[in-house]
């Protein structure tokens, strides 16, 4: 009798362990998507108003995690008065981005992300892109975390409004321009096109 009861109990345990589903953080099929689009940043560079344009794109995993990259360049003229002939500042950076999206299916939701990368600062003479000398540049590392409010405009289009802080380090050889002159807060507008 005892052997029969033990065999029955063991059988119940084996069957229930086979039928039980494994619990995981990310269950079921993992969804994938992606986006890309233009970005405008309004910031202060060398104590003047700076406009940065560029773009970013990312792979979206499970409607929550973003893995991608972005790149940005200064488009308006900022004079470097410490240099003869007062050239304008050439400033650009880019790198790898990772982020997290909170409640992406809601009309208004939030995201946070960080860029880790490198950039170049230099002198630019003339209007628009102007002329610049590659030897007259310095390179730096940049870390830029950001937080955004996202509006779901359509299934394929979203607008992000947010703020970031650009932390620049490694500018050693560029006259009076320092890491602090290139670091700062930005107001950020992002247009995202893709599959979310």
N, C-alpha and C. Protein backbone atom coordinates (compact mmCIF):
# COMPACT_ATOMS: atom_id res chain seq x y z
N UNK A 1 0.83 -1.20 0.00
CA UNK A 1 0.00 0.00 0.00
C UNK A 1 0.87 1.26 0.00
N UNK A 2 1.89 1.24 0.87
CA UNK A 2 2.77 2.41 0.94
C UNK A 2 3.50 2.62 -0.38
N UNK A 3 3.96 1.49 -1.01
CA UNK A 3 4.66 1.60 -2.29
C UNK A 3 3.73 2.17 -3.35
N UNK A 4 2.49 1.75 -3.34
CA UNK A 4 1.51 2.24 -4.32
C UNK A 4 1.24 3.73 -4.13
N UNK A 5 1.11 4.17 -2.89
CA UNK A 5 0.86 5.59 -2.60
C UNK A 5 2.05 6.45 -2.98
N UNK A 6 3.25 5.92 -2.72
CA UNK A 6 4.46 6.68 -3.09
C UNK A 6 4.60 6.76 -4.61
N UNK A 7 4.31 5.67 -5.31
CA UNK A 7 4.39 5.67 -6.77
C UNK A 7 3.38 6.64 -7.36
N UNK A 8 2.15 6.64 -6.79
CA UNK A 8 1.10 7.56 -7.26
C UNK A 8 1.53 9.02 -7.03
N UNK A 9 2.06 9.32 -5.84
CA UNK A 9 2.51 10.68 -5.52
C UNK A 9 3.65 11.12 -6.43
N UNK A 10 4.59 10.22 -6.66
CA UNK A 10 5.71 10.53 -7.55
C UNK A 10 5.21 10.78 -8.97
N UNK A 11 4.25 9.99 -9.40
CA UNK A 11 3.66 10.19 -10.73
C UNK A 11 2.98 11.54 -10.86
N UNK A 12 2.23 11.95 -9.84
CA UNK A 12 1.57 13.26 -9.83
C UNK A 12 2.61 14.38 -9.92
N UNK A 13 3.69 14.27 -9.16
CA UNK A 13 4.74 15.29 -9.19
C UNK A 13 5.38 15.38 -10.57
N UNK A 14 5.67 14.23 -11.19
CA UNK A 14 6.28 14.24 -12.52
C UNK A 14 5.36 14.85 -13.57
N UNK A 15 4.09 14.48 -13.54
CA UNK A 15 3.12 15.03 -14.51
C UNK A 15 2.96 16.53 -14.31
N UNK A 16 2.82 16.96 -13.07
CA UNK A 16 2.63 18.39 -12.83
C UNK A 16 3.86 19.20 -13.21
N UNK A 17 5.07 18.64 -13.04
CA UNK A 17 6.28 19.37 -13.43
C UNK A 17 6.39 19.46 -14.95
N UNK A 18 5.91 18.44 -15.67
CA UNK A 18 5.93 18.48 -17.13
C UNK A 18 4.93 19.50 -17.65
N UNK A 19 3.74 19.57 -17.04
CA UNK A 19 2.68 20.47 -17.48
C UNK A 19 2.90 21.92 -17.06
N UNK A 20 3.68 22.14 -16.03
CA UNK A 20 3.91 23.51 -15.55
C UNK A 20 4.73 24.29 -16.57
N UNK A 21 4.40 25.58 -16.74
CA UNK A 21 5.15 26.42 -17.66
C UNK A 21 6.25 27.15 -16.89
N UNK A 22 7.36 27.27 -17.54
CA UNK A 22 8.49 27.97 -16.93
C UNK A 22 8.19 29.46 -16.85
N UNK A 23 8.45 30.07 -15.72
CA UNK A 23 8.25 31.51 -15.56
C UNK A 23 9.53 32.25 -15.95
N UNK A 24 9.39 33.26 -16.81
CA UNK A 24 10.53 34.07 -17.24
C UNK A 24 10.13 35.53 -17.24
N UNK A 25 11.14 36.40 -17.26
CA UNK A 25 10.85 37.84 -17.33
C UNK A 25 10.19 38.21 -18.65
N UNK A 26 10.66 37.61 -19.73
CA UNK A 26 10.13 37.93 -21.06
C UNK A 26 9.55 36.65 -21.65
N UNK A 27 8.27 36.42 -21.41
CA UNK A 27 7.64 35.20 -21.86
C UNK A 27 7.10 35.32 -23.28
N UNK A 28 6.78 34.16 -23.88
CA UNK A 28 6.19 34.14 -25.21
C UNK A 28 7.18 34.55 -26.27
N UNK A 29 6.65 34.84 -27.46
CA UNK A 29 7.50 35.26 -28.56
C UNK A 29 7.96 36.70 -28.34
N UNK A 30 9.20 36.93 -28.60
CA UNK A 30 9.77 38.26 -28.42
C UNK A 30 9.51 39.09 -29.67
N UNK A 31 8.90 40.25 -29.49
CA UNK A 31 8.61 41.10 -30.64
C UNK A 31 9.80 42.00 -30.95
N UNK A 32 9.93 42.36 -32.23
CA UNK A 32 11.01 43.21 -32.68
C UNK A 32 10.44 44.34 -33.52
N UNK A 33 11.12 45.45 -33.55
CA UNK A 33 10.75 46.58 -34.39
C UNK A 33 11.95 47.48 -34.55
N UNK A 34 11.71 48.66 -35.05
CA UNK A 34 12.80 49.60 -35.21
C UNK A 34 12.28 50.95 -35.66
N UNK A 35 13.13 51.96 -35.53
CA UNK A 35 12.75 53.29 -35.97
C UNK A 35 13.98 54.07 -36.40
N UNK A 36 13.74 55.14 -37.10
CA UNK A 36 14.78 56.09 -37.47
C UNK A 36 14.13 57.43 -37.71
N UNK A 37 14.91 58.49 -37.59
CA UNK A 37 14.35 59.80 -37.86
C UNK A 37 15.26 60.94 -37.46
N UNK A 38 14.85 62.16 -37.85
CA UNK A 38 15.66 63.35 -37.55
C UNK A 38 15.48 63.84 -36.12
N UNK A 39 16.51 64.55 -35.63
CA UNK A 39 16.51 65.09 -34.27
C UNK A 39 17.00 66.54 -34.33
N UNK A 40 16.35 67.41 -33.55
CA UNK A 40 16.79 68.79 -33.37
C UNK A 40 17.06 69.01 -31.89
N UNK A 41 18.23 69.58 -31.59
CA UNK A 41 18.60 69.88 -30.20
C UNK A 41 18.91 71.37 -30.09
N UNK A 42 18.32 72.00 -29.09
CA UNK A 42 18.59 73.42 -28.78
C UNK A 42 19.39 73.42 -27.48
N UNK A 43 20.58 74.03 -27.52
CA UNK A 43 21.49 73.90 -26.39
C UNK A 43 22.35 75.15 -26.26
N UNK A 44 23.20 75.16 -25.27
CA UNK A 44 24.17 76.23 -25.11
C UNK A 44 25.56 75.65 -25.32
N UNK A 45 26.32 76.28 -26.22
CA UNK A 45 27.69 75.87 -26.50
C UNK A 45 28.57 77.10 -26.44
N UNK A 46 29.61 77.05 -25.65
CA UNK A 46 30.53 78.18 -25.50
C UNK A 46 29.77 79.47 -25.15
N UNK A 47 28.78 79.33 -24.26
CA UNK A 47 27.96 80.44 -23.76
C UNK A 47 27.10 81.10 -24.84
N UNK A 48 26.80 80.39 -25.92
CA UNK A 48 25.91 80.89 -26.96
C UNK A 48 24.87 79.83 -27.29
N UNK A 49 23.76 80.28 -27.90
CA UNK A 49 22.71 79.36 -28.31
C UNK A 49 23.20 78.53 -29.49
N UNK A 50 23.09 77.23 -29.38
CA UNK A 50 23.51 76.34 -30.44
C UNK A 50 22.35 75.47 -30.91
N UNK A 51 22.29 75.24 -32.23
CA UNK A 51 21.31 74.33 -32.82
C UNK A 51 22.05 73.13 -33.38
N UNK A 52 21.71 71.97 -32.89
CA UNK A 52 22.31 70.72 -33.37
C UNK A 52 21.24 69.95 -34.14
N UNK A 53 21.59 69.44 -35.31
CA UNK A 53 20.69 68.55 -36.03
C UNK A 53 21.40 67.24 -36.26
N UNK A 54 20.61 66.23 -36.50
CA UNK A 54 21.17 64.92 -36.76
C UNK A 54 20.05 63.91 -36.83
N UNK A 55 20.38 62.71 -36.46
CA UNK A 55 19.38 61.65 -36.51
C UNK A 55 19.77 60.52 -35.60
N UNK A 56 18.78 59.70 -35.35
CA UNK A 56 19.03 58.51 -34.56
C UNK A 56 18.14 57.38 -35.05
N UNK A 57 18.59 56.18 -34.83
CA UNK A 57 17.83 55.00 -35.19
C UNK A 57 18.12 53.91 -34.19
N UNK A 58 17.16 52.98 -34.06
CA UNK A 58 17.35 51.92 -33.08
C UNK A 58 16.51 50.71 -33.42
N UNK A 59 16.98 49.58 -32.97
CA UNK A 59 16.24 48.33 -32.98
C UNK A 59 15.47 48.30 -31.67
N UNK A 60 14.18 47.94 -31.72
CA UNK A 60 13.34 47.87 -30.52
C UNK A 60 13.08 46.40 -30.20
N UNK A 61 13.39 46.00 -28.98
CA UNK A 61 13.21 44.62 -28.55
C UNK A 61 12.11 44.58 -27.49
N UNK A 62 11.07 43.80 -27.77
CA UNK A 62 10.00 43.61 -26.79
C UNK A 62 9.25 44.87 -26.43
N UNK A 63 9.15 45.84 -27.33
CA UNK A 63 8.46 47.12 -27.10
C UNK A 63 9.06 47.92 -25.95
N UNK A 64 10.26 47.52 -25.46
CA UNK A 64 10.82 48.17 -24.27
C UNK A 64 12.26 48.64 -24.42
N UNK A 65 13.10 47.84 -25.04
CA UNK A 65 14.53 48.12 -25.05
C UNK A 65 14.95 48.60 -26.44
N UNK A 66 15.73 49.68 -26.50
CA UNK A 66 16.23 50.18 -27.77
C UNK A 66 17.75 50.09 -27.81
N UNK A 67 18.26 49.66 -28.96
CA UNK A 67 19.70 49.53 -29.17
C UNK A 67 19.99 50.14 -30.54
N UNK A 68 20.80 51.18 -30.59
CA UNK A 68 21.05 51.83 -31.87
C UNK A 68 22.17 52.85 -31.80
N UNK A 69 21.98 53.94 -32.53
CA UNK A 69 23.01 54.97 -32.58
C UNK A 69 22.45 56.29 -33.06
N UNK A 70 23.25 57.33 -32.91
CA UNK A 70 22.85 58.66 -33.35
C UNK A 70 24.07 59.51 -33.63
N UNK A 71 23.85 60.57 -34.40
CA UNK A 71 24.92 61.50 -34.71
C UNK A 71 24.37 62.90 -34.87
N UNK A 72 25.13 63.92 -34.43
CA UNK A 72 24.64 65.30 -34.37
C UNK A 72 25.74 66.28 -34.75
N UNK A 73 25.35 67.39 -35.38
CA UNK A 73 26.30 68.42 -35.77
C UNK A 73 25.73 69.81 -35.52
N UNK A 74 26.59 70.75 -35.18
CA UNK A 74 26.20 72.14 -34.95
C UNK A 74 25.94 72.79 -36.30
N UNK A 75 24.75 73.45 -36.45
CA UNK A 75 24.41 74.03 -37.75
C UNK A 75 24.44 75.55 -37.78
N UNK A 76 24.44 76.19 -36.63
CA UNK A 76 24.50 77.66 -36.65
C UNK A 76 25.92 78.14 -36.34
N UNK A 77 26.16 79.42 -36.59
CA UNK A 77 27.50 79.99 -36.40
C UNK A 77 27.70 80.42 -34.96
N UNK A 78 28.75 79.91 -34.35
CA UNK A 78 29.19 80.34 -33.03
C UNK A 78 30.65 80.74 -33.18
N UNK A 79 30.93 82.02 -32.96
CA UNK A 79 32.30 82.53 -33.14
C UNK A 79 33.22 82.10 -32.02
N UNK A 80 34.46 81.82 -32.39
CA UNK A 80 35.51 81.54 -31.42
C UNK A 80 36.38 82.78 -31.38
N UNK A 81 36.08 83.68 -30.46
CA UNK A 81 36.74 85.00 -30.46
C UNK A 81 38.18 84.96 -29.98
N UNK A 82 38.59 83.84 -29.38
CA UNK A 82 39.97 83.77 -28.89
C UNK A 82 40.96 83.48 -30.02
N UNK A 83 40.46 83.24 -31.24
CA UNK A 83 41.31 82.91 -32.37
C UNK A 83 41.28 84.07 -33.36
N UNK A 84 42.44 84.38 -33.97
CA UNK A 84 42.52 85.44 -34.97
C UNK A 84 41.52 85.18 -36.10
N UNK A 85 40.95 86.24 -36.65
CA UNK A 85 39.95 86.19 -37.71
C UNK A 85 38.61 85.63 -37.24
N UNK A 86 38.47 85.37 -35.95
CA UNK A 86 37.22 84.91 -35.34
C UNK A 86 36.49 83.86 -36.18
N UNK A 87 37.06 82.68 -36.33
CA UNK A 87 36.36 81.62 -37.06
C UNK A 87 35.16 81.12 -36.26
N UNK A 88 34.31 80.36 -36.90
CA UNK A 88 33.18 79.74 -36.22
C UNK A 88 33.58 78.37 -35.69
N UNK A 89 32.77 77.88 -34.77
CA UNK A 89 33.03 76.59 -34.15
C UNK A 89 32.47 75.47 -35.01
N UNK A 90 33.26 74.45 -35.21
CA UNK A 90 32.79 73.21 -35.84
C UNK A 90 32.68 72.19 -34.71
N UNK A 91 31.49 71.59 -34.56
CA UNK A 91 31.23 70.70 -33.43
C UNK A 91 30.31 69.58 -33.88
N UNK A 92 30.74 68.34 -33.72
CA UNK A 92 29.91 67.20 -34.09
C UNK A 92 30.27 66.01 -33.22
N UNK A 93 29.28 65.14 -33.00
CA UNK A 93 29.52 63.95 -32.20
C UNK A 93 28.47 62.88 -32.53
N UNK A 94 28.75 61.67 -32.12
CA UNK A 94 27.82 60.57 -32.33
C UNK A 94 28.30 59.33 -31.61
N UNK A 95 27.46 58.30 -31.63
CA UNK A 95 27.86 57.08 -30.98
C UNK A 95 26.73 56.09 -30.81
N UNK A 96 26.97 55.16 -29.92
CA UNK A 96 26.07 54.06 -29.60
C UNK A 96 25.03 54.53 -28.60
N UNK A 97 23.76 54.13 -28.81
CA UNK A 97 22.69 54.50 -27.88
C UNK A 97 21.97 53.26 -27.37
N UNK A 98 21.61 53.29 -26.09
CA UNK A 98 20.74 52.28 -25.49
C UNK A 98 19.66 52.99 -24.72
N UNK A 99 18.45 52.40 -24.71
CA UNK A 99 17.36 53.05 -24.01
C UNK A 99 16.30 52.09 -23.53
N UNK A 100 15.32 52.68 -22.85
CA UNK A 100 14.22 51.92 -22.27
C UNK A 100 12.94 52.70 -22.49
N UNK A 101 11.89 52.04 -22.99
CA UNK A 101 10.60 52.67 -23.25
C UNK A 101 9.60 52.16 -22.21
N UNK A 102 8.82 53.07 -21.65
CA UNK A 102 7.84 52.73 -20.63
C UNK A 102 6.44 52.86 -21.22
N UNK A 103 5.67 51.78 -21.26
CA UNK A 103 4.27 51.76 -21.72
C UNK A 103 4.11 52.31 -23.13
N UNK A 104 4.80 51.71 -24.10
CA UNK A 104 4.82 52.22 -25.47
C UNK A 104 3.47 52.20 -26.17
N UNK A 105 2.51 51.42 -25.67
CA UNK A 105 1.21 51.36 -26.30
C UNK A 105 0.28 52.51 -25.89
N UNK A 106 0.66 53.31 -24.92
CA UNK A 106 -0.15 54.44 -24.47
C UNK A 106 0.07 55.65 -25.37
N UNK A 107 -0.96 56.49 -25.53
CA UNK A 107 -0.87 57.69 -26.36
C UNK A 107 0.31 58.55 -25.94
N UNK A 108 0.45 58.80 -24.66
CA UNK A 108 1.61 59.51 -24.09
C UNK A 108 2.38 58.51 -23.25
N UNK A 109 3.66 58.38 -23.52
CA UNK A 109 4.49 57.51 -22.70
C UNK A 109 5.89 58.10 -22.59
N UNK A 110 6.77 57.39 -21.92
CA UNK A 110 8.09 57.93 -21.60
C UNK A 110 9.20 57.01 -22.10
N UNK A 111 10.34 57.63 -22.34
CA UNK A 111 11.53 56.85 -22.67
C UNK A 111 12.75 57.52 -22.05
N UNK A 112 13.75 56.71 -21.78
CA UNK A 112 15.05 57.21 -21.33
C UNK A 112 16.10 56.51 -22.19
N UNK A 113 17.14 57.23 -22.52
CA UNK A 113 18.24 56.61 -23.27
C UNK A 113 19.54 57.35 -23.01
N UNK A 114 20.63 56.70 -23.37
CA UNK A 114 21.95 57.31 -23.22
C UNK A 114 22.78 57.05 -24.46
N UNK A 115 23.52 58.07 -24.87
CA UNK A 115 24.48 57.96 -25.97
C UNK A 115 25.87 57.91 -25.38
N UNK A 116 26.69 56.98 -25.87
CA UNK A 116 28.11 56.87 -25.50
C UNK A 116 28.89 56.98 -26.80
N UNK A 117 29.74 57.99 -26.93
CA UNK A 117 30.43 58.11 -28.21
C UNK A 117 31.61 59.05 -28.18
N UNK A 118 31.95 59.54 -29.37
CA UNK A 118 33.07 60.45 -29.55
C UNK A 118 32.64 61.60 -30.44
N UNK A 119 33.47 62.64 -30.45
CA UNK A 119 33.16 63.79 -31.28
C UNK A 119 34.40 64.56 -31.65
N UNK A 120 34.17 65.62 -32.45
CA UNK A 120 35.25 66.47 -32.95
C UNK A 120 34.85 67.93 -32.77
N UNK A 121 35.79 68.73 -32.33
CA UNK A 121 35.60 70.18 -32.28
C UNK A 121 36.71 70.81 -33.11
N UNK A 122 36.36 71.82 -33.89
CA UNK A 122 37.35 72.47 -34.75
C UNK A 122 36.93 73.88 -35.11
N UNK A 123 37.75 74.53 -35.94
CA UNK A 123 37.44 75.86 -36.45
C UNK A 123 36.90 75.75 -37.86
N UNK A 124 35.94 76.60 -38.17
CA UNK A 124 35.32 76.61 -39.50
C UNK A 124 35.25 78.07 -39.97
N UNK A 125 35.81 78.32 -41.13
CA UNK A 125 35.78 79.66 -41.70
C UNK A 125 34.73 79.74 -42.80
N UNK A 126 33.97 80.82 -42.86
CA UNK A 126 32.99 81.01 -43.93
C UNK A 126 31.59 80.62 -43.51
N UNK A 127 30.65 80.77 -44.45
CA UNK A 127 29.24 80.48 -44.22
C UNK A 127 28.95 78.99 -44.41
N UNK A 128 27.82 78.54 -43.85
CA UNK A 128 27.38 77.15 -44.03
C UNK A 128 28.43 76.19 -43.50
N UNK A 129 28.76 75.17 -44.31
CA UNK A 129 29.77 74.19 -43.89
C UNK A 129 31.14 74.84 -43.81
N UNK A 130 31.38 75.84 -44.66
CA UNK A 130 32.65 76.57 -44.63
C UNK A 130 33.85 75.67 -44.88
N UNK A 131 35.02 76.24 -44.71
CA UNK A 131 36.27 75.49 -44.86
C UNK A 131 36.82 75.18 -43.48
N UNK A 132 37.39 74.02 -43.33
CA UNK A 132 38.02 73.67 -42.07
C UNK A 132 39.22 72.79 -42.34
N UNK A 133 40.15 72.84 -41.41
CA UNK A 133 41.40 72.11 -41.52
C UNK A 133 41.36 70.95 -40.53
N UNK A 134 41.49 69.73 -41.05
CA UNK A 134 41.42 68.55 -40.18
C UNK A 134 42.50 68.56 -39.12
N UNK A 135 43.61 69.23 -39.39
CA UNK A 135 44.69 69.30 -38.40
C UNK A 135 44.33 70.24 -37.26
N UNK A 136 43.36 71.13 -37.49
CA UNK A 136 42.95 72.13 -36.52
C UNK A 136 41.73 71.62 -35.74
N UNK A 137 41.81 70.42 -35.20
CA UNK A 137 40.68 69.83 -34.48
C UNK A 137 41.16 69.15 -33.20
N UNK A 138 40.20 68.88 -32.34
CA UNK A 138 40.46 68.08 -31.14
C UNK A 138 39.31 67.09 -31.02
N UNK A 139 39.60 65.97 -30.42
CA UNK A 139 38.59 64.91 -30.29
C UNK A 139 38.24 64.73 -28.81
N UNK A 140 37.04 64.24 -28.57
CA UNK A 140 36.56 64.10 -27.20
C UNK A 140 35.64 62.89 -27.09
N UNK A 141 35.39 62.49 -25.84
CA UNK A 141 34.38 61.48 -25.53
C UNK A 141 33.14 62.20 -25.05
N UNK A 142 31.98 61.59 -25.30
CA UNK A 142 30.73 62.20 -24.88
C UNK A 142 29.80 61.15 -24.28
N UNK A 143 29.12 61.52 -23.22
CA UNK A 143 28.06 60.73 -22.61
C UNK A 143 26.85 61.65 -22.53
N UNK A 144 25.70 61.19 -23.06
CA UNK A 144 24.52 62.06 -23.09
C UNK A 144 23.26 61.27 -22.73
N UNK A 145 22.87 61.28 -21.43
CA UNK A 145 21.60 60.68 -21.05
C UNK A 145 20.45 61.63 -21.37
N UNK A 146 19.27 61.07 -21.66
CA UNK A 146 18.11 61.90 -21.95
C UNK A 146 16.84 61.25 -21.44
N UNK A 147 15.81 62.06 -21.23
CA UNK A 147 14.47 61.61 -20.85
C UNK A 147 13.48 62.30 -21.78
N UNK A 148 12.47 61.55 -22.23
CA UNK A 148 11.56 62.07 -23.25
C UNK A 148 10.11 61.68 -22.96
N UNK A 149 9.20 62.55 -23.37
CA UNK A 149 7.78 62.23 -23.44
C UNK A 149 7.50 61.95 -24.90
N UNK A 150 6.86 60.81 -25.18
CA UNK A 150 6.60 60.39 -26.56
C UNK A 150 5.09 60.45 -26.81
N UNK A 151 4.71 60.97 -27.98
CA UNK A 151 3.32 61.02 -28.41
C UNK A 151 3.16 60.07 -29.60
N UNK A 152 2.22 59.12 -29.48
CA UNK A 152 1.92 58.22 -30.59
C UNK A 152 0.99 58.93 -31.57
N UNK A 153 1.53 59.44 -32.68
CA UNK A 153 0.74 60.15 -33.68
C UNK A 153 0.03 59.15 -34.59
N UNK A 154 0.72 58.15 -35.05
CA UNK A 154 0.17 57.08 -35.89
C UNK A 154 0.94 55.81 -35.58
N UNK A 155 0.49 54.68 -36.13
CA UNK A 155 1.17 53.40 -35.85
C UNK A 155 2.63 53.43 -36.27
N UNK A 156 2.96 54.23 -37.28
CA UNK A 156 4.32 54.26 -37.83
C UNK A 156 5.07 55.54 -37.47
N UNK A 157 4.45 56.47 -36.70
CA UNK A 157 5.06 57.78 -36.47
C UNK A 157 4.85 58.24 -35.03
N UNK A 158 5.94 58.66 -34.40
CA UNK A 158 5.89 59.17 -33.03
C UNK A 158 6.75 60.43 -32.93
N UNK A 159 6.37 61.31 -32.02
CA UNK A 159 7.14 62.53 -31.75
C UNK A 159 7.61 62.49 -30.31
N UNK A 160 8.88 62.77 -30.11
CA UNK A 160 9.44 62.82 -28.77
C UNK A 160 9.89 64.22 -28.40
N UNK A 161 9.52 64.65 -27.21
CA UNK A 161 9.96 65.94 -26.66
C UNK A 161 10.67 65.64 -25.34
N UNK A 162 11.88 66.16 -25.21
CA UNK A 162 12.61 65.81 -24.00
C UNK A 162 13.77 66.72 -23.71
N UNK A 163 14.62 66.25 -22.82
CA UNK A 163 15.80 67.00 -22.40
C UNK A 163 16.95 66.02 -22.23
N UNK A 164 18.16 66.51 -22.51
CA UNK A 164 19.35 65.68 -22.34
C UNK A 164 20.45 66.51 -21.70
N UNK A 165 21.44 65.83 -21.18
CA UNK A 165 22.63 66.52 -20.69
C UNK A 165 23.84 65.90 -21.39
N UNK A 166 24.56 66.73 -22.12
CA UNK A 166 25.75 66.31 -22.88
C UNK A 166 26.98 66.54 -22.00
N UNK A 167 27.65 65.44 -21.62
CA UNK A 167 28.86 65.53 -20.82
C UNK A 167 30.05 65.23 -21.72
N UNK A 168 30.88 66.25 -21.97
CA UNK A 168 32.04 66.14 -22.86
C UNK A 168 33.31 66.10 -22.01
N UNK A 169 34.21 65.19 -22.35
CA UNK A 169 35.50 65.13 -21.67
C UNK A 169 36.60 64.77 -22.67
N UNK A 170 37.76 65.36 -22.48
CA UNK A 170 38.92 65.04 -23.32
C UNK A 170 39.37 66.15 -24.25
N UNK A 171 38.74 67.35 -24.16
CA UNK A 171 39.19 68.47 -24.99
C UNK A 171 40.41 69.07 -24.30
N UNK A 172 41.62 68.86 -24.89
CA UNK A 172 42.84 69.36 -24.24
C UNK A 172 43.52 70.43 -25.06
N UNK A 173 43.32 70.39 -26.35
CA UNK A 173 44.20 71.12 -27.23
C UNK A 173 43.43 72.04 -28.15
N UNK A 174 42.54 72.82 -27.58
CA UNK A 174 41.71 73.66 -28.44
C UNK A 174 41.53 75.06 -27.86
N UNK A 175 42.64 75.73 -27.64
CA UNK A 175 42.60 77.12 -27.18
C UNK A 175 41.82 77.30 -25.90
N UNK A 176 40.92 78.29 -25.92
CA UNK A 176 40.12 78.61 -24.73
C UNK A 176 38.89 77.73 -24.58
N UNK A 177 38.60 76.88 -25.56
CA UNK A 177 37.41 76.01 -25.48
C UNK A 177 37.73 74.83 -24.58
N UNK A 178 36.88 74.60 -23.58
CA UNK A 178 37.09 73.53 -22.61
C UNK A 178 35.95 72.52 -22.68
N UNK A 179 36.10 71.44 -21.91
CA UNK A 179 35.02 70.45 -21.79
C UNK A 179 33.72 71.12 -21.34
N UNK A 180 33.82 72.03 -20.36
CA UNK A 180 32.62 72.69 -19.83
C UNK A 180 31.92 73.54 -20.88
N UNK A 181 32.68 74.16 -21.81
CA UNK A 181 32.07 74.98 -22.87
C UNK A 181 31.25 74.14 -23.83
N UNK A 182 31.59 72.87 -23.96
CA UNK A 182 30.90 71.99 -24.91
C UNK A 182 29.87 71.09 -24.23
N UNK A 183 29.87 71.04 -22.91
CA UNK A 183 28.90 70.26 -22.15
C UNK A 183 27.67 71.13 -21.88
N UNK A 184 26.52 70.50 -21.68
CA UNK A 184 25.35 71.28 -21.32
C UNK A 184 24.04 70.57 -21.57
N UNK A 185 22.97 71.23 -21.13
CA UNK A 185 21.60 70.74 -21.27
C UNK A 185 21.09 71.06 -22.66
N UNK A 186 20.28 70.15 -23.22
CA UNK A 186 19.63 70.39 -24.51
C UNK A 186 18.15 70.11 -24.39
N UNK A 187 17.34 70.92 -25.09
CA UNK A 187 15.94 70.58 -25.35
C UNK A 187 15.94 69.79 -26.64
N UNK A 188 15.21 68.67 -26.68
CA UNK A 188 15.33 67.73 -27.79
C UNK A 188 13.96 67.46 -28.41
N UNK A 189 13.89 67.54 -29.75
CA UNK A 189 12.70 67.14 -30.51
C UNK A 189 13.12 66.01 -31.44
N UNK A 190 12.43 64.88 -31.36
CA UNK A 190 12.75 63.71 -32.18
C UNK A 190 11.52 63.27 -32.96
N UNK A 191 11.69 63.05 -34.25
CA UNK A 191 10.64 62.45 -35.08
C UNK A 191 11.03 61.02 -35.34
N UNK A 192 10.15 60.07 -34.99
CA UNK A 192 10.46 58.64 -35.13
C UNK A 192 9.52 58.01 -36.15
N UNK A 193 10.09 57.37 -37.14
CA UNK A 193 9.33 56.65 -38.15
C UNK A 193 9.75 55.18 -38.10
N UNK A 194 8.78 54.28 -38.02
CA UNK A 194 9.16 52.87 -37.98
C UNK A 194 8.06 51.96 -37.54
N UNK A 195 8.48 50.81 -37.03
CA UNK A 195 7.59 49.78 -36.51
C UNK A 195 7.87 49.65 -35.02
N UNK A 196 6.88 49.99 -34.22
CA UNK A 196 7.08 50.08 -32.78
C UNK A 196 6.50 48.90 -32.03
